[in-house]
Protein backbone atom coordinates (compact mmCIF):
# COMPACT_ATOMS: atom_id res chain seq x y z
CA MET A 1 24.28 3.73 -21.76
CA PRO A 2 27.48 1.45 -21.91
CA ALA A 3 28.49 2.23 -18.38
CA ALA A 4 24.98 1.23 -17.23
CA ILE A 5 25.42 -1.95 -18.80
CA ALA A 6 28.81 -2.65 -17.52
CA ILE A 7 27.79 -2.02 -13.88
CA SER A 8 24.52 -4.04 -14.47
CA ALA A 9 26.68 -6.97 -15.78
CA ALA A 10 28.63 -7.29 -12.65
CA VAL A 11 25.68 -6.78 -10.67
CA LEU A 12 24.40 -9.52 -12.25
CA VAL A 13 27.30 -11.93 -11.33
CA VAL A 14 27.42 -11.10 -7.85
CA GLY A 15 23.21 -11.76 -8.06
CA VAL A 16 24.32 -15.25 -9.30
CA ALA A 17 26.33 -15.87 -6.34
CA TYR A 18 23.79 -14.47 -4.01
CA GLY A 19 21.11 -16.70 -5.27
CA ALA A 20 23.09 -20.06 -5.36
CA THR A 21 24.43 -19.22 -2.06
CA ALA A 22 20.97 -18.65 -0.49
CA GLU A 23 19.37 -21.85 -2.36
CA SER A 24 22.36 -23.79 -1.07
CA ALA A 25 21.49 -22.75 2.32
CA GLY A 26 17.92 -23.57 2.13
CA PHE A 27 16.11 -20.36 1.29
CA PRO A 28 13.11 -20.65 -0.67
CA PRO A 29 13.66 -19.53 -4.33
CA TRP A 30 10.48 -17.44 -3.96
CA LEU A 31 11.84 -15.61 -1.17
CA VAL A 32 15.51 -14.92 -2.78
CA ILE A 33 13.79 -13.22 -5.91
CA LEU A 34 11.04 -11.57 -3.66
CA THR A 35 14.21 -10.30 -1.81
CA ALA A 36 16.43 -9.21 -4.35
CA VAL A 37 13.23 -6.99 -5.93
CA LEU A 38 12.20 -5.51 -2.72
CA VAL A 39 15.34 -4.92 -0.73
CA LEU A 40 17.54 -4.58 -3.68
CA GLY A 41 20.51 -4.26 -1.43
CA ALA A 42 23.36 -6.47 -2.97
CA SER A 43 25.59 -6.25 -0.09
CA SER A 44 23.10 -6.54 2.93
CA GLU A 45 21.34 -9.48 1.34
CA LEU A 46 24.70 -11.28 0.89
CA LEU A 47 25.72 -10.53 4.66
CA PHE A 48 22.29 -11.84 5.89
CA VAL A 49 22.33 -15.18 3.61
CA GLY A 50 26.16 -15.37 4.38
CA ILE A 51 25.59 -15.27 8.21
CA ILE A 52 22.59 -17.52 8.20
CA ALA A 53 24.50 -20.01 5.86
CA ALA A 54 27.66 -20.25 8.44
CA GLY A 55 25.22 -20.85 11.10
CA GLY A 56 25.33 -17.53 12.63
CA LEU A 57 21.83 -16.53 14.84
CA PRO A 58 19.31 -14.93 12.65
CA TRP A 59 19.05 -11.96 14.86
CA LEU A 60 22.57 -11.44 14.31
CA ALA A 61 21.91 -11.77 10.40
CA VAL A 62 19.30 -9.41 10.40
CA GLY A 63 21.02 -6.66 12.59
CA ALA A 64 24.39 -6.94 10.57
CA ALA A 65 22.19 -6.23 7.31
CA LEU A 66 20.40 -3.02 8.64
CA LEU A 67 23.78 -1.90 9.70
CA VAL A 68 25.08 -2.11 6.44
CA ASN A 69 22.02 -0.64 4.69
CA LEU A 70 22.25 2.23 7.07
CA ARG A 71 24.59 3.91 4.28
CA ASN A 72 21.82 4.34 2.30
CA LEU A 73 20.82 7.31 4.19
CA VAL A 74 24.01 9.16 3.28
CA TYR A 75 23.39 8.37 -0.13
CA GLY A 76 19.68 9.55 -0.28
CA PHE A 77 20.76 12.63 0.98
CA SER A 78 23.23 13.08 -1.75
CA ALA A 79 20.77 12.19 -4.36
CA SER A 80 17.97 14.26 -2.72
CA GLU A 81 19.24 17.28 -5.13
CA PHE A 82 18.71 15.64 -8.34
CA LEU A 83 15.66 13.21 -7.51
CA PRO A 84 12.33 13.97 -9.00
CA GLY A 85 10.29 16.67 -6.98
CA GLN A 86 6.87 14.77 -7.38
CA ARG A 87 6.36 12.62 -4.26
CA PRO A 88 5.19 9.43 -6.23
CA LEU A 89 8.18 9.58 -8.82
CA ARG A 90 10.47 10.69 -5.75
CA LEU A 91 9.57 7.70 -3.58
CA LEU A 92 9.89 5.28 -6.58
CA ALA A 93 13.14 6.86 -7.51
CA ALA A 94 14.18 6.09 -4.19
CA HIS A 95 14.37 2.73 -4.18
CA LEU A 96 16.75 2.86 -6.93
CA VAL A 97 19.33 4.52 -4.54
CA ASN A 98 22.39 2.49 -4.22
CA ASP A 99 26.06 2.47 -4.28
CA GLU A 100 26.52 2.49 -8.09
CA SER A 101 23.47 4.39 -8.88
CA VAL A 102 24.44 7.28 -6.55
CA ALA A 103 28.21 7.24 -7.34
CA PHE A 104 27.52 7.24 -11.04
CA ALA A 105 25.49 9.98 -11.21
CA LEU A 106 27.16 12.29 -9.04
CA ALA A 107 30.35 12.06 -11.22
CA ARG A 108 28.14 13.75 -14.00
CA PRO A 109 27.44 17.55 -14.55
CA PRO A 110 24.19 18.44 -12.82
CA ALA A 111 21.83 18.67 -15.78
CA ARG A 112 22.86 14.92 -16.49
CA ARG A 113 22.23 13.63 -12.88
CA LEU A 114 18.97 12.46 -12.82
CA ARG A 115 19.08 10.48 -16.49
CA ALA A 116 22.36 8.76 -15.21
CA PHE A 117 20.88 8.00 -11.87
CA GLN A 118 17.86 6.40 -13.41
CA ALA A 119 19.89 4.48 -16.32
CA VAL A 120 21.99 2.71 -13.52
CA GLY A 121 19.49 2.12 -11.08
CA VAL A 122 16.94 0.78 -13.57
CA ALA A 123 19.73 -1.48 -14.80
CA ILE A 124 20.35 -2.75 -11.18
CA ALA A 125 16.97 -3.26 -10.32
CA ILE A 126 16.69 -5.46 -13.50
CA ALA A 127 20.35 -7.39 -13.00
CA TRP A 128 20.17 -8.16 -9.44
CA PRO A 129 16.94 -10.05 -9.49
CA LEU A 130 17.48 -11.82 -12.72
CA GLY A 131 21.03 -12.89 -11.19
CA ALA A 132 19.58 -13.90 -8.13
CA ALA A 133 16.98 -16.09 -10.09
CA ILE A 134 19.93 -17.75 -12.37
CA GLY A 135 21.82 -18.15 -8.78
CA VAL A 136 18.57 -20.35 -7.73
CA ALA A 137 18.91 -22.40 -10.67
CA VAL A 138 22.59 -22.63 -10.39
CA GLY A 139 22.38 -23.66 -6.80
CA TYR A 140 19.83 -26.73 -7.77
CA ILE A 141 22.53 -28.14 -10.27
CA VAL A 142 25.48 -27.34 -8.33
CA PRO A 143 24.82 -27.42 -4.45
CA ASP A 144 28.07 -26.10 -3.56
CA PRO A 145 28.75 -22.71 -5.10
CA GLY A 146 31.94 -22.22 -3.71
CA ILE A 147 33.01 -25.00 -6.61
CA LEU A 148 32.22 -22.40 -9.33
CA GLY A 149 34.01 -19.71 -6.91
CA LEU A 150 30.64 -17.78 -6.95
CA ASP A 151 31.04 -17.24 -3.44
CA ALA A 152 34.28 -14.81 -3.96
CA ALA A 153 32.65 -12.70 -6.47
CA PHE A 154 31.26 -10.27 -4.19
CA PRO A 155 34.17 -10.28 -1.62
CA ALA A 156 36.34 -9.56 -4.93
CA ILE A 157 34.43 -6.68 -6.70
CA PHE A 158 33.84 -4.84 -2.82
CA VAL A 159 37.58 -5.30 -2.38
CA ALA A 160 38.22 -3.71 -5.86
CA ILE A 161 35.63 -0.62 -5.12
CA LEU A 162 37.29 -0.27 -1.73
CA VAL A 163 40.80 -0.22 -2.65
CA GLY A 164 39.82 2.54 -5.23
CA THR A 165 38.27 4.83 -2.94
CA LEU A 166 40.97 4.82 0.01
CA SER A 167 42.97 7.68 0.28
CA ARG A 168 45.46 8.90 3.05
CA ARG A 169 42.73 9.65 5.62
CA THR A 170 40.79 6.71 5.10
CA SER A 171 43.36 3.87 4.76
CA GLY A 172 43.89 4.03 8.52
CA PRO A 173 40.16 3.02 9.40
CA ALA A 174 40.21 0.93 6.52
CA VAL A 175 43.28 -1.14 7.75
CA ALA A 176 42.28 -1.14 11.82
CA GLY A 177 38.95 -2.33 10.93
CA ALA A 178 40.24 -5.37 8.73
CA THR A 179 42.68 -6.16 11.51
CA ILE A 180 40.16 -6.18 14.04
CA ALA A 181 37.68 -8.38 12.19
CA LEU A 182 40.67 -10.68 11.20
CA ALA A 183 41.69 -11.23 14.63
CA ALA A 184 38.20 -11.76 16.05
CA THR A 185 37.35 -14.36 13.39
CA PRO A 186 38.15 -17.29 14.99
CA PHE A 187 36.83 -16.59 18.46
CA VAL A 188 33.27 -14.91 17.79
CA ALA A 189 30.28 -16.42 16.08
CA ALA A 190 29.67 -15.94 12.28
CA GLY A 191 29.06 -12.45 10.80
CA VAL A 192 30.01 -11.13 14.26
CA ALA A 193 33.92 -10.15 12.93
CA PRO A 194 32.97 -7.84 9.90
CA VAL A 195 30.38 -5.79 12.79
CA LEU A 196 33.49 -5.53 15.30
CA GLY A 197 35.60 -4.30 12.04
CA LEU A 198 33.58 -1.10 12.02
CA ALA A 199 35.39 0.02 15.61
CA GLY A 200 38.07 0.82 13.04
CA LEU A 201 36.25 4.03 12.44
CA LEU A 202 36.96 5.08 15.69
CA ALA A 203 40.90 5.85 13.93
CA LEU A 204 38.71 8.52 11.69
CA VAL A 205 37.11 10.06 14.77
CA ARG A 206 40.47 10.22 16.76
CA ASP A 207 42.09 11.75 13.41
CA ARG A 208 39.37 14.75 13.17
CA GLY A 209 39.71 15.31 16.93
CA ARG A 210 43.27 15.69 16.71
CA ARG A 211 42.73 18.13 13.40
CA ALA A 212 40.06 20.14 15.38
């Protein structure tokens, strides 16, 4: 499936950035790759590594990563309608639940959703650890991944996805959250600003209250 190949290629690039950043931050190579296989959560893993690399506290890094990964609960509810019914297969498929696999599946007709989900999910499950392994190797050769611009790969892809999903209702909270995070950055520990930026969601709650 061409779309699955394209998505996995983008994930592979981000995985290289993750592996190189983690290696340069002093994480053992085996831990970087094992985490990529077991967690399979690009944004949470990059956030965790980024906070540690910037000198942030470990408990803050863990808390921020878990908070980011809470979105998978929502994706899980959305994917539950087309995941396999058998318990062992369902648990295995649940590991493939992520932003790309669920979004791609829901964009397809109901009869094709499971196959689309499996194609993208398996492609990402291969591309992400592979990218992490390549990134670790790159980290050995280039101590500072910033020289190659790999550290900008994930933010660039994330911003592109975010801009494409903004609407009149969600643009307010997004702008509010970004403003809060930027204003707080000079005054708080590494990794705290993005968490504080979640306060922008209050704008959405306030808007819904007015509508009610």
